[in-house]
């Protein structure tokens, strides 16, 4: 159990039992969309946050989309008084998300491989949402993914990374995996693949875009590091459906909180 925990913390920036992150929905620099999914008695609440401020966009040269998935919270929001300690959403985006997205824009010229190898995943144990009237806290496993809304015409399909949501990208070729019957990105026909993962556009219809994140070099011991991620992005809204294991908190050795995941994958839509 101890070995499992060390591997998990080493690969992902997990912040458990830290001060909660506060989303202030009255902040006009961002748009917010919330949705609750339930499948097989498993509930996941999601929040899409998109930066809409022209000053922020021109200053940082990126347009962040931050996607929150709250697992294992029992579909319960608890109203609380204004907390004394918390991390503001805007500070998290400025100091963490934007820095990572700007660094992610760099690719090696010869191979088009990623310069940055830091995953775009953070995990915290609680999220507070302020709607202008009440402060509501949701606790459980809060997975945070962040992306860069950046449209451009590619000259090569590998001209991408793990964070760019490019709705003008080339459609990646797929093939059927004979072992499990799933459709996978045909890496061999796209050229040299980066071991640390890239995000491919695999389908588009109207304003809906399906992206598949593929990583060849993954850690089988980490519940968050599974082979491929898939989600549907809707323009000007955010992510409206996604495929994922279901994550939950569990008590392990020495009463230390651990994160578990189901063996099954669910498509929350």
Protein backbone atom coordinates (compact mmCIF):
# COMPACT_ATOMS: atom_id res chain seq x y z
CA UNK A 1 0.00 0.00 0.00
CA UNK A 2 2.84 2.39 0.82
CA UNK A 3 4.47 1.80 -2.59
CA UNK A 4 1.15 2.55 -4.33
CA UNK A 5 0.80 5.85 -2.51
CA UNK A 6 4.33 7.00 -3.34
CA UNK A 7 3.88 6.26 -7.03
CA UNK A 8 0.62 8.16 -7.10
CA UNK A 9 2.02 11.28 -5.48
CA UNK A 10 5.17 11.20 -7.58
CA UNK A 11 3.32 11.17 -10.89
CA UNK A 12 0.49 13.59 -10.20
CA UNK A 13 0.28 16.88 -8.29
CA UNK A 14 -2.27 15.66 -5.75
CA UNK A 15 -3.23 18.06 -2.99
CA UNK A 16 -5.31 16.27 -0.37
CA UNK A 17 -6.49 17.94 2.85
CA UNK A 18 -5.29 21.33 1.56
CA UNK A 19 -7.26 24.57 1.65
CA UNK A 20 -10.29 24.31 -0.66
CA UNK A 21 -10.52 26.02 -4.03
CA UNK A 22 -13.23 28.69 -4.29
CA UNK A 23 -15.21 29.32 -7.48
CA UNK A 24 -16.92 32.72 -7.40
CA UNK A 25 -19.62 32.59 -10.08
CA UNK A 26 -20.13 36.36 -9.84
CA UNK A 27 -16.71 36.92 -11.44
CA UNK A 28 -17.51 38.33 -14.90
CA UNK A 29 -14.07 37.44 -16.28
CA UNK A 30 -15.26 33.82 -16.61
CA UNK A 31 -18.27 31.87 -17.83
CA UNK A 32 -19.56 28.97 -15.74
CA UNK A 33 -21.60 25.89 -16.64
CA UNK A 34 -22.55 23.11 -14.22
CA UNK A 35 -24.00 19.67 -14.86
CA UNK A 36 -24.60 16.56 -12.77
CA UNK A 37 -24.18 13.10 -14.30
CA UNK A 38 -25.52 9.86 -12.85
CA UNK A 39 -24.80 6.43 -14.28
CA UNK A 40 -25.02 3.04 -12.57
CA UNK A 41 -25.77 4.81 -9.26
CA UNK A 42 -22.55 6.79 -9.58
CA UNK A 43 -22.90 10.56 -9.38
CA UNK A 44 -20.39 13.05 -10.78
CA UNK A 45 -20.92 16.80 -10.68
CA UNK A 46 -19.02 18.91 -13.22
CA UNK A 47 -18.16 22.59 -13.60
CA UNK A 48 -16.81 24.19 -16.77
CA UNK A 49 -14.94 27.48 -16.37
CA UNK A 50 -13.90 29.45 -19.48
CA UNK A 51 -11.88 32.66 -19.41
CA UNK A 52 -13.80 35.42 -21.24
CA UNK A 53 -11.79 38.51 -20.29
CA UNK A 54 -10.08 40.18 -23.28
CA UNK A 55 -7.42 41.67 -21.02
CA UNK A 56 -6.53 38.28 -19.55
CA UNK A 57 -6.45 36.64 -22.96
CA UNK A 58 -4.22 39.28 -24.57
CA UNK A 59 -1.86 39.29 -21.60
CA UNK A 60 -1.40 35.53 -21.37
CA UNK A 61 -1.85 34.53 -25.05
CA UNK A 62 -3.90 31.52 -23.98
CA UNK A 63 -7.62 30.93 -23.41
CA UNK A 64 -8.04 28.55 -20.47
CA UNK A 65 -10.84 26.06 -20.02
CA UNK A 66 -10.80 24.48 -16.55
CA UNK A 67 -12.95 21.40 -16.07
CA UNK A 68 -13.84 20.21 -12.57
CA UNK A 69 -15.18 16.70 -11.91
CA UNK A 70 -16.41 16.02 -8.37
CA UNK A 71 -16.60 12.28 -7.69
CA UNK A 72 -17.82 10.47 -4.59
CA UNK A 73 -19.61 13.40 -3.00
CA UNK A 74 -23.02 11.74 -2.77
CA UNK A 75 -24.83 14.43 -4.78
CA UNK A 76 -24.82 16.67 -1.71
CA UNK A 77 -24.02 20.36 -1.43
CA UNK A 78 -23.51 21.69 2.07
CA UNK A 79 -24.11 25.40 2.69
CA UNK A 80 -21.42 26.94 4.87
CA UNK A 81 -20.30 30.32 6.13
CA UNK A 82 -17.67 32.15 4.13
CA UNK A 83 -14.44 30.20 4.75
CA UNK A 84 -11.46 31.91 6.33
CA UNK A 85 -8.87 30.11 4.19
CA UNK A 86 -9.25 29.19 0.54
CA UNK A 87 -7.57 29.38 -2.85
CA UNK A 88 -9.27 31.70 -5.32
CA UNK A 89 -10.07 30.28 -8.76
CA UNK A 90 -8.49 33.27 -10.49
CA UNK A 91 -5.24 32.82 -8.53
CA UNK A 92 -5.13 29.13 -9.37
CA UNK A 93 -5.63 29.89 -13.08
CA UNK A 94 -3.05 32.69 -13.12
CA UNK A 95 -0.33 30.95 -11.11
CA UNK A 96 -0.77 27.34 -12.19
CA UNK A 97 -2.98 26.85 -15.24
CA UNK A 98 -1.73 29.70 -17.43
CA UNK A 99 1.93 28.94 -16.68
CA UNK A 100 1.45 25.29 -17.66
CA UNK A 101 -0.55 26.10 -20.83
CA UNK A 102 2.07 28.59 -22.05
CA UNK A 103 4.85 26.07 -21.42
CA UNK A 104 2.83 23.42 -23.25
CA UNK A 105 2.84 25.47 -26.44
CA UNK A 106 6.47 24.51 -27.05
CA UNK A 107 7.20 21.47 -29.22
CA UNK A 108 10.49 20.02 -30.42
CA UNK A 109 11.10 21.06 -34.03
CA UNK A 110 12.53 17.73 -35.17
CA UNK A 111 9.96 15.36 -33.65
CA UNK A 112 6.99 17.62 -32.72
CA UNK A 113 7.22 15.99 -29.28
CA UNK A 114 6.11 17.78 -26.12
CA UNK A 115 8.68 19.88 -24.30
CA UNK A 116 6.56 19.77 -21.14
CA UNK A 117 5.85 16.38 -19.56
CA UNK A 118 3.78 17.62 -16.61
CA UNK A 119 0.23 16.18 -16.64
CA UNK A 120 -2.63 18.67 -16.82
CA UNK A 121 -4.31 17.05 -13.82
CA UNK A 122 -4.65 18.18 -10.22
CA UNK A 123 -6.68 16.56 -7.47
CA UNK A 124 -8.07 18.24 -4.36
CA UNK A 125 -10.52 17.03 -1.73
CA UNK A 126 -13.07 19.85 -1.69
CA UNK A 127 -14.51 22.61 -3.87
CA UNK A 128 -16.50 25.65 -2.74
CA UNK A 129 -18.94 27.38 -5.11
CA UNK A 130 -20.24 30.87 -4.38
CA UNK A 131 -23.32 31.85 -6.38
CA UNK A 132 -23.63 35.41 -5.09
CA UNK A 133 -25.73 34.36 -2.12
CA UNK A 134 -24.49 31.13 -0.57
CA UNK A 135 -21.20 29.31 -0.17
CA UNK A 136 -21.66 25.62 -0.97
CA UNK A 137 -18.98 23.01 -0.39
CA UNK A 138 -18.64 19.65 -2.14
CA UNK A 139 -16.12 17.16 -0.82
CA UNK A 140 -14.86 13.91 -2.29
CA UNK A 141 -12.39 13.46 -5.13
CA UNK A 142 -12.18 16.65 -7.20
CA UNK A 143 -10.27 16.04 -10.44
CA UNK A 144 -9.21 19.21 -12.24
CA UNK A 145 -8.30 19.19 -15.95
CA UNK A 146 -7.28 22.32 -17.83
CA UNK A 147 -7.05 23.04 -21.54
CA UNK A 148 -6.21 25.82 -23.99
CA UNK A 149 -8.94 26.83 -26.46
CA UNK A 150 -6.73 27.52 -29.47
CA UNK A 151 -7.93 27.08 -33.06
CA UNK A 152 -5.44 26.90 -35.94
CA UNK A 153 -4.89 24.92 -39.14
CA UNK A 154 -2.35 22.17 -38.67
CA UNK A 155 0.39 21.43 -41.18
CA UNK A 156 0.94 18.02 -39.51
CA UNK A 157 -1.43 16.01 -37.34
CA UNK A 158 1.22 15.78 -34.60
CA UNK A 159 1.22 19.56 -34.29
CA UNK A 160 -0.64 19.26 -31.01
CA UNK A 161 -0.06 18.58 -27.31
CA UNK A 162 -2.00 17.32 -24.31
CA UNK A 163 -3.85 20.59 -23.58
CA UNK A 164 -4.82 22.32 -26.85
CA UNK A 165 -8.48 22.00 -27.85
CA UNK A 166 -8.14 22.82 -31.54
CA UNK A 167 -11.50 22.57 -33.31
CA UNK A 168 -9.74 23.16 -36.66
CA UNK A 169 -7.39 20.20 -36.21
CA UNK A 170 -7.13 17.33 -38.68
CA UNK A 171 -9.33 14.34 -37.87
CA UNK A 172 -7.11 11.57 -36.51
CA UNK A 173 -7.36 8.16 -38.22
CA UNK A 174 -8.78 5.31 -36.13
CA UNK A 175 -8.49 1.54 -36.18
CA UNK A 176 -10.36 -1.22 -34.36
CA UNK A 177 -8.40 -2.91 -31.59
CA UNK A 178 -8.80 -6.66 -32.14
CA UNK A 179 -8.26 -7.40 -28.43
CA UNK A 180 -11.05 -5.25 -26.97
CA UNK A 181 -12.98 -4.11 -30.04
CA UNK A 182 -12.47 -0.42 -29.27
CA UNK A 183 -11.58 2.23 -31.84
CA UNK A 184 -8.10 3.61 -31.15
CA UNK A 185 -6.08 6.39 -32.74
CA UNK A 186 -3.89 4.92 -35.48
CA UNK A 187 -0.55 6.17 -34.18
CA UNK A 188 1.52 4.45 -36.89
CA UNK A 189 -0.12 6.43 -39.67
CA UNK A 190 0.26 9.80 -37.92
CA UNK A 191 4.06 9.76 -37.71
CA UNK A 192 6.24 9.68 -34.62
CA UNK A 193 4.18 9.63 -31.43
CA UNK A 194 5.20 11.38 -28.23
CA UNK A 195 5.37 8.95 -25.30
CA UNK A 196 3.97 11.55 -22.91
CA UNK A 197 0.65 12.00 -24.62
CA UNK A 198 -1.19 14.14 -27.13
CA UNK A 199 -4.78 15.24 -27.63
CA UNK A 200 -6.34 14.31 -30.99
CA UNK A 201 -9.58 15.43 -32.59
CA UNK A 202 -11.33 12.21 -33.69
CA UNK A 203 -14.83 13.46 -34.59
CA UNK A 204 -16.74 16.67 -35.15
CA UNK A 205 -20.41 17.40 -35.78
CA UNK A 206 -21.83 20.91 -35.79
CA UNK A 207 -20.49 22.55 -32.61
CA UNK A 208 -19.56 19.25 -30.92
CA UNK A 209 -15.96 18.01 -31.01
CA UNK A 210 -14.76 14.66 -29.71
CA UNK A 211 -11.18 14.55 -28.48
CA UNK A 212 -9.09 11.53 -27.52
CA UNK A 213 -5.98 11.87 -25.34
CA UNK A 214 -3.47 9.09 -25.94
CA UNK A 215 -0.39 8.37 -23.86
CA UNK A 216 1.95 5.51 -24.73
CA UNK A 217 4.07 5.64 -21.59
CA UNK A 218 1.68 5.33 -18.65
CA UNK A 219 1.89 4.24 -15.02
CA UNK A 220 -0.43 1.28 -14.42
CA UNK A 221 -0.21 1.86 -10.66
CA UNK A 222 -1.85 5.29 -10.85
CA UNK A 223 -5.67 5.38 -11.12
CA UNK A 224 -5.50 8.67 -13.03
CA UNK A 225 -2.97 7.48 -15.59
CA UNK A 226 -5.05 5.27 -17.84
CA UNK A 227 -4.24 4.72 -21.50
CA UNK A 228 -6.70 7.04 -23.21
CA UNK A 229 -9.16 9.74 -22.26
CA UNK A 230 -12.09 10.78 -24.39
CA UNK A 231 -14.50 13.68 -24.06
CA UNK A 232 -16.89 15.82 -26.10
CA UNK A 233 -16.32 19.56 -26.15
CA UNK A 234 -19.10 21.98 -27.07
CA UNK A 235 -18.03 25.39 -28.30
CA UNK A 236 -18.59 28.24 -25.84
CA UNK A 237 -19.86 25.79 -23.20
CA UNK A 238 -17.11 23.37 -22.29
CA UNK A 239 -16.98 19.58 -21.87
CA UNK A 240 -20.45 18.03 -22.00
CA UNK A 241 -19.56 14.32 -21.74
CA UNK A 242 -16.50 12.21 -20.94
CA UNK A 243 -15.22 8.67 -20.42
CA UNK A 244 -13.55 7.83 -17.13
CA UNK A 245 -13.24 5.39 -14.25
CA UNK A 246 -15.12 6.43 -11.13
CA UNK A 247 -12.83 7.69 -8.38
CA UNK A 248 -13.45 7.43 -4.65
CA UNK A 249 -11.71 8.02 -1.34
CA UNK A 250 -10.74 5.10 0.87
CA UNK A 251 -8.90 4.62 4.14
CA UNK A 252 -5.63 2.72 3.89
CA UNK A 253 -2.72 2.09 6.22
CA UNK A 254 -2.23 4.50 9.13
CA UNK A 255 -5.67 6.00 8.48
CA UNK A 256 -4.24 7.89 5.49
CA UNK A 257 -6.71 8.83 2.77
CA UNK A 258 -6.07 7.06 -0.51
CA UNK A 259 -7.75 7.43 -3.89
CA UNK A 260 -9.32 4.38 -5.47
CA UNK A 261 -10.80 3.84 -8.93
CA UNK A 262 -13.22 1.37 -10.47
CA UNK A 263 -11.92 -1.15 -12.99
CA UNK A 264 -14.86 -0.27 -15.21
CA UNK A 265 -14.91 2.78 -17.46
CA UNK A 266 -18.09 4.87 -17.61
CA UNK A 267 -19.23 7.31 -20.27
CA UNK A 268 -20.83 10.20 -18.41
CA UNK A 269 -23.24 11.87 -20.84
